[in-house]
Amino acid sequence: MALDKEHVLVVGGSSGIGLGVAQALLEQGANVTLVGRTEQKLRAAKERLEAGDRVSTIAADVTDENQVRAVFERCGAIDHLVITRGAVPLNAPIAALDLDAARSFIDLMVVSALALAKHAVPRLRRGGSITFTSGISKDKVGPGGSVVAAVAGAMGFVARALAVELAPTRVNVVSPGWVETPMWDEIAGAAKQQMWSDMGTRLPAGRVAKPADIAKAYTFLLGSELTTGIVLDIDGGHRLI
């Protein structure tokens, strides 16, 4: 198995894409540490994965640098860092944009990713990898999408810079399109199933992705020793429509 006995830290691993990535990593032979904000969700994720002591959990708020530092002190040496944590997109017309909310969203999505990379370096195997997560908002921008587009686009430039700075450690980004995750309960509520169905009929791939579909992109990047500094789009062709 490509990742046999390697240790992967998955931030945002208690649900959605992160949980799907954790499952795929376990199937590849890796040991996984899940990081999330809520102990209860982490316990539920560990039980769902059914992998015993191959799965560890750490509850932390990664917008707090002291808690980020503590995560790496607890988890010890790692081979790979995967950051999948997400948040409901901040959408607002520029004329009505709440700048405090914008700063909070940027801190949550970009600054916390930088903090995780910063504190990973002393614990991360030289030649291992860091994989960030972006999204379709960098390519398909609608009215009110300036902040989320800036955040999604920023991760590609961060990865390019760190791929040079941290070489031979590899740094990449996975950019999903729509994915069937619990976040959609907050985005669309009861309308989510109809929205997924409608989008599926428009996508060249014919359906909206599930976390297991997206997880394949992460396992590819972790195992691909000559892939660094790229953004891997896995969006079912969403960029094309």
C-alpha atoms as a PDB file:
ATOM      1  CA  MET A   1       0.000   0.000   0.000  1.00  0.00           C
ATOM      2  CA  ALA A   2       1.364   3.365  -1.107  1.00  0.00           C
ATOM      3  CA  LEU A   3       1.144   5.102   2.285  1.00  0.00           C
ATOM      4  CA  ASP A   4       1.775   2.070   4.484  1.00  0.00           C
ATOM      5  CA  LYS A   5       2.498   3.083   8.091  1.00  0.00           C
ATOM      6  CA  GLU A   6       2.946   6.754   7.201  1.00  0.00           C
ATOM      7  CA  HIS A   7       1.486   9.238   9.684  1.00  0.00           C
ATOM      8  CA  VAL A   8      -0.925  11.806   8.248  1.00  0.00           C
ATOM      9  CA  LEU A   9      -2.415  14.718  10.180  1.00  0.00           C
ATOM     10  CA  VAL A  10      -5.836  15.639   8.752  1.00  0.00           C
ATOM     11  CA  VAL A  11      -7.166  19.011   9.894  1.00  0.00           C
ATOM     12  CA  GLY A  12     -10.932  19.139   9.493  1.00  0.00           C
ATOM     13  CA  GLY A  13     -11.047  15.355   9.592  1.00  0.00           C
ATOM     14  CA  SER A  14     -14.175  14.846  11.667  1.00  0.00           C
ATOM     15  CA  SER A  15     -16.661  15.230   8.803  1.00  0.00           C
ATOM     16  CA  GLY A  16     -17.152  15.929   5.109  1.00  0.00           C
ATOM     17  CA  ILE A  17     -14.131  15.853   2.816  1.00  0.00           C
ATOM     18  CA  GLY A  18     -11.705  15.400   5.706  1.00  0.00           C
ATOM     19  CA  LEU A  19     -13.457  12.277   6.937  1.00  0.00           C
ATOM     20  CA  GLY A  20     -13.483  10.907   3.395  1.00  0.00           C
ATOM     21  CA  VAL A  21      -9.742  11.596   3.127  1.00  0.00           C
ATOM     22  CA  ALA A  22      -9.116   9.830   6.427  1.00  0.00           C
ATOM     23  CA  GLN A  23     -10.978   6.744   5.198  1.00  0.00           C
ATOM     24  CA  ALA A  24      -8.986   6.684   1.957  1.00  0.00           C
ATOM     25  CA  LEU A  25      -5.697   7.094   3.839  1.00  0.00           C
ATOM     26  CA  LEU A  26      -6.506   4.176   6.119  1.00  0.00           C
ATOM     27  CA  GLU A  27      -7.252   2.034   3.081  1.00  0.00           C
ATOM     28  CA  GLN A  28      -3.775   2.982   1.790  1.00  0.00           C
ATOM     29  CA  GLY A  29      -2.177   1.736   5.016  1.00  0.00           C
ATOM     30  CA  ALA A  30      -1.584   5.094   6.718  1.00  0.00           C
ATOM     31  CA  ASN A  31      -2.051   6.009  10.363  1.00  0.00           C
ATOM     32  CA  VAL A  32      -4.198   9.107  10.819  1.00  0.00           C
ATOM     33  CA  THR A  33      -4.554  11.864  13.391  1.00  0.00           C
ATOM     34  CA  LEU A  34      -7.776  13.830  13.043  1.00  0.00           C
ATOM     35  CA  VAL A  35      -7.948  17.445  14.189  1.00  0.00           C
ATOM     36  CA  GLY A  36     -11.250  19.228  14.713  1.00  0.00           C
ATOM     37  CA  ARG A  37     -12.898  21.681  17.043  1.00  0.00           C
ATOM     38  CA  THR A  38     -15.354  19.326  18.747  1.00  0.00           C
ATOM     39  CA  GLU A  39     -14.453  16.294  20.850  1.00  0.00           C
ATOM     40  CA  GLN A  40     -17.854  14.700  20.277  1.00  0.00           C
ATOM     41  CA  LYS A  41     -17.573  14.891  16.474  1.00  0.00           C
ATOM     42  CA  LEU A  42     -14.025  13.552  16.612  1.00  0.00           C
ATOM     43  CA  ARG A  43     -15.126  10.581  18.725  1.00  0.00           C
ATOM     44  CA  ALA A  44     -17.952   9.867  16.287  1.00  0.00           C
ATOM     45  CA  ALA A  45     -15.542  10.060  13.336  1.00  0.00           C
ATOM     46  CA  LYS A  46     -13.089   7.657  15.005  1.00  0.00           C
ATOM     47  CA  GLU A  47     -15.903   5.179  15.658  1.00  0.00           C
ATOM     48  CA  ARG A  48     -17.148   5.469  12.082  1.00  0.00           C
ATOM     49  CA  LEU A  49     -13.677   4.792  10.672  1.00  0.00           C
ATOM     50  CA  GLU A  50     -13.421   1.532  12.663  1.00  0.00           C
ATOM     51  CA  ALA A  51      -9.621   1.487  12.568  1.00  0.00           C
ATOM     52  CA  GLY A  52      -8.774   1.226  16.259  1.00  0.00           C
ATOM     53  CA  ASP A  53      -5.454   2.699  17.349  1.00  0.00           C
ATOM     54  CA  ARG A  54      -4.564   3.618  13.759  1.00  0.00           C
ATOM     55  CA  VAL A  55      -6.733   6.716  14.321  1.00  0.00           C
ATOM     56  CA  SER A  56      -5.955   9.385  16.917  1.00  0.00           C
ATOM     57  CA  THR A  57      -7.857  12.604  17.567  1.00  0.00           C
ATOM     58  CA  ILE A  58      -6.946  16.077  18.830  1.00  0.00           C
ATOM     59  CA  ALA A  59      -9.529  18.760  19.567  1.00  0.00           C
ATOM     60  CA  ALA A  60      -8.239  22.247  18.777  1.00  0.00           C
ATOM     61  CA  ASP A  61      -9.219  25.624  17.369  1.00  0.00           C
ATOM     62  CA  VAL A  62      -6.588  26.148  14.658  1.00  0.00           C
ATOM     63  CA  THR A  63      -7.273  29.889  14.465  1.00  0.00           C
ATOM     64  CA  ASP A  64      -5.417  30.063  17.806  1.00  0.00           C
ATOM     65  CA  GLU A  65      -1.658  29.747  17.209  1.00  0.00           C
ATOM     66  CA  ASN A  66      -1.037  28.424  20.719  1.00  0.00           C
ATOM     67  CA  GLN A  67      -3.476  25.595  20.062  1.00  0.00           C
ATOM     68  CA  VAL A  68      -1.834  24.914  16.679  1.00  0.00           C
ATOM     69  CA  ARG A  69       1.544  24.645  18.411  1.00  0.00           C
ATOM     70  CA  ALA A  70       0.040  22.242  20.961  1.00  0.00           C
ATOM     71  CA  VAL A  71      -1.409  20.045  18.189  1.00  0.00           C
ATOM     72  CA  PHE A  72       2.034  19.367  16.776  1.00  0.00           C
ATOM     73  CA  GLU A  73       3.552  18.839  20.212  1.00  0.00           C
ATOM     74  CA  ARG A  74       0.929  16.151  20.858  1.00  0.00           C
ATOM     75  CA  CYS A  75       0.986  14.404  17.488  1.00  0.00           C
ATOM     76  CA  GLY A  76       4.768  14.115  17.164  1.00  0.00           C
ATOM     77  CA  ALA A  77       6.460  13.328  13.856  1.00  0.00           C
ATOM     78  CA  ILE A  78       4.309  13.273  10.724  1.00  0.00           C
ATOM     79  CA  ASP A  79       4.846  12.355   7.085  1.00  0.00           C
ATOM     80  CA  HIS A  80       2.045  14.482   5.632  1.00  0.00           C
ATOM     81  CA  LEU A  81      -0.246  17.361   6.597  1.00  0.00           C
ATOM     82  CA  VAL A  82      -3.679  17.639   4.964  1.00  0.00           C
ATOM     83  CA  ILE A  83      -5.857  20.694   5.633  1.00  0.00           C
ATOM     84  CA  THR A  84      -9.488  20.225   4.632  1.00  0.00           C
ATOM     85  CA  ARG A  85     -11.320  22.378   7.137  1.00  0.00           C
ATOM     86  CA  GLY A  86     -14.013  24.500   5.579  1.00  0.00           C
ATOM     87  CA  ALA A  87     -16.587  27.099   6.477  1.00  0.00           C
ATOM     88  CA  VAL A  88     -19.836  28.356   5.032  1.00  0.00           C
ATOM     89  CA  PRO A  89     -18.754  30.834   2.329  1.00  0.00           C
ATOM     90  CA  LEU A  90     -18.941  34.530   3.117  1.00  0.00           C
ATOM     91  CA  ASN A  91     -21.046  36.127   0.386  1.00  0.00           C
ATOM     92  CA  ALA A  92     -21.976  39.794   0.373  1.00  0.00           C
ATOM     93  CA  PRO A  93     -22.086  42.621  -2.177  1.00  0.00           C
ATOM     94  CA  ILE A  94     -18.944  44.722  -1.835  1.00  0.00           C
ATOM     95  CA  ALA A  95     -20.991  47.807  -0.927  1.00  0.00           C
ATOM     96  CA  ALA A  96     -22.474  45.942   2.044  1.00  0.00           C
ATOM     97  CA  LEU A  97     -19.418  43.910   3.034  1.00  0.00           C
ATOM     98  CA  ASP A  98     -18.809  43.582   6.776  1.00  0.00           C
ATOM     99  CA  LEU A  99     -15.033  44.011   6.983  1.00  0.00           C
ATOM    100  CA  ASP A 100     -14.824  42.393  10.410  1.00  0.00           C
ATOM    101  CA  ALA A 101     -16.579  39.329   9.012  1.00  0.00           C
ATOM    102  CA  ALA A 102     -14.216  39.363   6.026  1.00  0.00           C
ATOM    103  CA  ARG A 103     -11.171  39.504   8.317  1.00  0.00           C
ATOM    104  CA  SER A 104     -12.544  36.627  10.378  1.00  0.00           C
ATOM    105  CA  PHE A 105     -13.154  34.507   7.279  1.00  0.00           C
ATOM    106  CA  ILE A 106      -9.674  35.201   5.894  1.00  0.00           C
ATOM    107  CA  ASP A 107      -8.161  34.370   9.284  1.00  0.00           C
ATOM    108  CA  LEU A 108     -10.172  31.164   9.460  1.00  0.00           C
ATOM    109  CA  MET A 109      -9.271  29.943   5.986  1.00  0.00           C
ATOM    110  CA  VAL A 110      -5.870  31.449   5.085  1.00  0.00           C
ATOM    111  CA  VAL A 111      -4.059  32.559   8.238  1.00  0.00           C
ATOM    112  CA  SER A 112      -4.860  29.314  10.054  1.00  0.00           C
ATOM    113  CA  ALA A 113      -3.486  27.356   7.076  1.00  0.00           C
ATOM    114  CA  LEU A 114      -0.262  29.392   7.279  1.00  0.00           C
ATOM    115  CA  ALA A 115      -0.064  28.733  11.026  1.00  0.00           C
ATOM    116  CA  LEU A 116      -0.487  25.000  10.463  1.00  0.00           C
ATOM    117  CA  ALA A 117       2.257  24.976   7.843  1.00  0.00           C
ATOM    118  CA  LYS A 118       4.531  27.036  10.113  1.00  0.00           C
ATOM    119  CA  HIS A 119       4.254  24.686  13.056  1.00  0.00           C
ATOM    120  CA  ALA A 120       4.257  21.539  10.923  1.00  0.00           C
ATOM    121  CA  VAL A 121       7.743  22.161   9.545  1.00  0.00           C
ATOM    122  CA  PRO A 122       9.747  20.968  12.594  1.00  0.00           C
ATOM    123  CA  ARG A 123       7.612  17.788  12.812  1.00  0.00           C
ATOM    124  CA  LEU A 124       7.187  17.061   9.106  1.00  0.00           C
ATOM    125  CA  ARG A 125       9.373  14.511   7.363  1.00  0.00           C
ATOM    126  CA  ARG A 126      11.663  16.119   4.806  1.00  0.00           C
ATOM    127  CA  GLY A 127      10.271  14.972   1.461  1.00  0.00           C
ATOM    128  CA  GLY A 128       6.780  14.505   2.861  1.00  0.00           C
ATOM    129  CA  SER A 129       3.926  16.803   1.877  1.00  0.00           C
ATOM    130  CA  ILE A 130       1.454  19.529   2.780  1.00  0.00           C
ATOM    131  CA  THR A 131      -1.873  19.602   0.956  1.00  0.00           C
ATOM    132  CA  PHE A 132      -4.210  22.584   1.234  1.00  0.00           C
ATOM    133  CA  THR A 133      -7.813  22.816   0.073  1.00  0.00           C
ATOM    134  CA  SER A 134      -9.217  25.516  -2.203  1.00  0.00           C
ATOM    135  CA  GLY A 135     -12.486  25.435  -4.143  1.00  0.00           C
ATOM    136  CA  ILE A 136     -14.507  26.263  -7.212  1.00  0.00           C
ATOM    137  CA  SER A 137     -15.052  29.844  -5.997  1.00  0.00           C
ATOM    138  CA  LYS A 138     -11.663  30.792  -7.448  1.00  0.00           C
ATOM    139  CA  ASP A 139     -12.970  29.932 -10.941  1.00  0.00           C
ATOM    140  CA  LYS A 140     -16.731  30.527 -10.817  1.00  0.00           C
ATOM    141  CA  VAL A 141     -17.307  33.877  -9.169  1.00  0.00           C
ATOM    142  CA  GLY A 142     -20.772  35.281  -8.642  1.00  0.00           C
ATOM    143  CA  PRO A 143     -22.067  38.576  -7.256  1.00  0.00           C
ATOM    144  CA  GLY A 144     -20.999  38.967  -3.641  1.00  0.00           C
ATOM    145  CA  GLY A 145     -18.210  36.414  -4.001  1.00  0.00           C
ATOM    146  CA  SER A 146     -15.155  38.664  -3.753  1.00  0.00           C
ATOM    147  CA  VAL A 147     -13.928  37.439  -0.361  1.00  0.00           C
ATOM    148  CA  VAL A 148     -14.430  33.728  -0.948  1.00  0.00           C
ATOM    149  CA  ALA A 149     -12.815  34.046  -4.395  1.00  0.00           C
ATOM    150  CA  ALA A 150      -9.798  35.792  -2.850  1.00  0.00           C
ATOM    151  CA  VAL A 151      -9.447  33.092  -0.204  1.00  0.00           C
ATOM    152  CA  ALA A 152      -9.823  30.202  -2.648  1.00  0.00           C
ATOM    153  CA  GLY A 153      -7.394  31.728  -5.110  1.00  0.00           C
ATOM    154  CA  ALA A 154      -4.825  32.573  -2.446  1.00  0.00           C
ATOM    155  CA  MET A 155      -4.127  28.938  -1.576  1.00  0.00           C
ATOM    156  CA  GLY A 156      -2.614  28.223  -4.985  1.00  0.00           C
ATOM    157  CA  PHE A 157      -0.081  31.025  -4.579  1.00  0.00           C
ATOM    158  CA  VAL A 158       0.730  29.947  -1.027  1.00  0.00           C
ATOM    159  CA  ALA A 159       1.403  26.418  -2.293  1.00  0.00           C
ATOM    160  CA  ARG A 160       3.662  27.625  -5.109  1.00  0.00           C
ATOM    161  CA  ALA A 161       5.754  29.705  -2.724  1.00  0.00           C
ATOM    162  CA  LEU A 162       6.041  26.983  -0.079  1.00  0.00           C
ATOM    163  CA  ALA A 163       6.830  24.313  -2.669  1.00  0.00           C
ATOM    164  CA  VAL A 164      10.034  26.252  -3.375  1.00  0.00           C
ATOM    165  CA  GLU A 165      10.756  27.278   0.208  1.00  0.00           C
ATOM    166  CA  LEU A 166      10.241  23.825   1.748  1.00  0.00           C
ATOM    167  CA  ALA A 167      11.604  21.649  -1.071  1.00  0.00           C
ATOM    168  CA  PRO A 168      11.971  18.687  -1.269  1.00  0.00           C
ATOM    169  CA  THR A 169       8.827  18.622   0.868  1.00  0.00           C
ATOM    170  CA  ARG A 170       5.945  18.876  -1.582  1.00  0.00           C
ATOM    171  CA  VAL A 171       3.135  21.425  -1.262  1.00  0.00           C
ATOM    172  CA  ASN A 172      -0.067  21.234  -3.312  1.00  0.00           C
ATOM    173  CA  VAL A 173      -3.736  22.208  -3.329  1.00  0.00           C
ATOM    174  CA  VAL A 174      -6.888  20.208  -4.027  1.00  0.00           C
ATOM    175  CA  SER A 175      -9.698  22.339  -5.474  1.00  0.00           C
ATOM    176  CA  PRO A 176     -13.096  20.617  -5.332  1.00  0.00           C
ATOM    177  CA  GLY A 177     -16.320  21.718  -6.913  1.00  0.00           C
ATOM    178  CA  TRP A 178     -19.604  21.002  -5.172  1.00  0.00           C
ATOM    179  CA  VAL A 179     -19.362  18.073  -2.753  1.00  0.00           C
ATOM    180  CA  GLU A 180     -22.140  16.353  -0.809  1.00  0.00           C
ATOM    181  CA  THR A 181     -21.087  17.335   2.724  1.00  0.00           C
ATOM    182  CA  PRO A 182     -22.928  18.378   5.907  1.00  0.00           C
ATOM    183  CA  MET A 183     -21.976  22.017   5.255  1.00  0.00           C
ATOM    184  CA  TRP A 184     -24.804  22.121   2.722  1.00  0.00           C
ATOM    185  CA  ASP A 185     -27.298  21.927   5.595  1.00  0.00           C
ATOM    186  CA  GLU A 186     -26.196  25.454   6.479  1.00  0.00           C
ATOM    187  CA  ILE A 187     -25.851  26.652   2.889  1.00  0.00           C
ATOM    188  CA  ALA A 188     -29.142  25.378   1.478  1.00  0.00           C
ATOM    189  CA  GLY A 189     -31.100  23.564   4.189  1.00  0.00           C
ATOM    190  CA  ALA A 190     -33.934  21.419   2.850  1.00  0.00           C
ATOM    191  CA  ALA A 191     -33.242  22.592  -0.720  1.00  0.00           C
ATOM    192  CA  LYS A 192     -29.839  20.888  -0.896  1.00  0.00           C
ATOM    193  CA  GLN A 193     -30.990  17.653  -2.567  1.00  0.00           C
ATOM    194  CA  GLN A 194     -32.710  19.551  -5.369  1.00  0.00           C
ATOM    195  CA  MET A 195     -29.675  21.801  -5.797  1.00  0.00           C
ATOM    196  CA  TRP A 196     -27.361  18.778  -6.066  1.00  0.00           C
ATOM    197  CA  SER A 197     -29.692  17.168  -8.595  1.00  0.00           C
ATOM    198  CA  ASP A 198     -29.928  20.329 -10.691  1.00  0.00           C
ATOM    199  CA  MET A 199     -26.154  20.831 -10.657  1.00  0.00           C
ATOM    200  CA  GLY A 200     -25.581  17.175 -11.517  1.00  0.00           C
ATOM    201  CA  THR A 201     -27.551  17.561 -14.727  1.00  0.00           C
ATOM    202  CA  ARG A 202     -25.341  20.523 -15.729  1.00  0.00           C
ATOM    203  CA  LEU A 203     -21.944  19.061 -14.870  1.00  0.00           C
ATOM    204  CA  PRO A 204     -20.015  17.285 -17.652  1.00  0.00           C
ATOM    205  CA  ALA A 205     -19.295  14.484 -15.146  1.00  0.00           C
ATOM    206  CA  GLY A 206     -23.028  14.012 -14.608  1.00  0.00           C
ATOM    207  CA  ARG A 207     -23.205  14.264 -10.821  1.00  0.00           C
ATOM    208  CA  VAL A 208     -22.065  16.194  -7.762  1.00  0.00           C
ATOM    209  CA  ALA A 209     -19.073  14.638  -5.987  1.00  0.00           C
ATOM    210  CA  LYS A 210     -19.094  12.674  -2.758  1.00  0.00           C
ATOM    211  CA  PRO A 211     -16.216  12.940  -0.250  1.00  0.00           C
ATOM    212  CA  ALA A 212     -14.817   9.587  -1.425  1.00  0.00           C
ATOM    213  CA  ASP A 213     -14.435  11.013  -4.951  1.00  0.00           C
ATOM    214  CA  ILE A 214     -12.447  13.985  -3.713  1.00  0.00           C
ATOM    215  CA  ALA A 215     -10.327  11.874  -1.356  1.00  0.00           C
ATOM    216  CA  LYS A 216      -8.661  10.216  -4.359  1.00  0.00           C
ATOM    217  CA  ALA A 217      -7.049  13.543  -5.266  1.00  0.00           C
ATOM    218  CA  TYR A 218      -5.462  13.854  -1.831  1.00  0.00           C
ATOM    219  CA  THR A 219      -4.085  10.312  -1.777  1.00  0.00           C
ATOM    220  CA  PHE A 220      -2.659  10.865  -5.269  1.00  0.00           C
ATOM    221  CA  LEU A 221      -0.838  14.036  -4.194  1.00  0.00           C
ATOM    222  CA  LEU A 222       0.517  12.457  -1.005  1.00  0.00           C
ATOM    223  CA  GLY A 223       1.956   9.553  -2.973  1.00  0.00           C
ATOM    224  CA  SER A 224       3.165  11.402  -6.074  1.00  0.00           C
ATOM    225  CA  GLU A 225       6.821  12.188  -5.384  1.00  0.00           C
ATOM    226  CA  LEU A 226       7.255  14.478  -8.414  1.00  0.00           C
ATOM    227  CA  THR A 227       4.096  16.556  -7.985  1.00  0.00           C
ATOM    228  CA  THR A 228       4.523  19.869  -6.171  1.00  0.00           C
ATOM    229  CA  GLY A 229       3.296  23.445  -6.414  1.00  0.00           C
ATOM    230  CA  ILE A 230       0.082  22.600  -8.274  1.00  0.00           C
ATOM    231  CA  VAL A 231      -3.648  23.118  -7.858  1.00  0.00           C
ATOM    232  CA  LEU A 232      -5.479  19.887  -8.698  1.00  0.00           C
ATOM    233  CA  ASP A 233      -9.045  20.676  -9.812  1.00  0.00           C
ATOM    234  CA  ILE A 234     -11.502  17.871  -9.162  1.00  0.00           C
ATOM    235  CA  ASP A 235     -14.827  19.520  -9.863  1.00  0.00           C
ATOM    236  CA  GLY A 236     -16.674  17.341 -12.376  1.00  0.00           C
ATOM    237  CA  GLY A 237     -16.103  19.988 -15.048  1.00  0.00           C
ATOM    238  CA  HIS A 238     -17.745  22.772 -13.054  1.00  0.00           C
ATOM    239  CA  ARG A 239     -15.135  25.261 -14.341  1.00  0.00           C
ATOM    240  CA  LEU A 240     -16.355  24.609 -17.884  1.00  0.00           C
ATOM    241  CA  ILE A 241     -20.009  25.501 -17.488  1.00  0.00           C
END
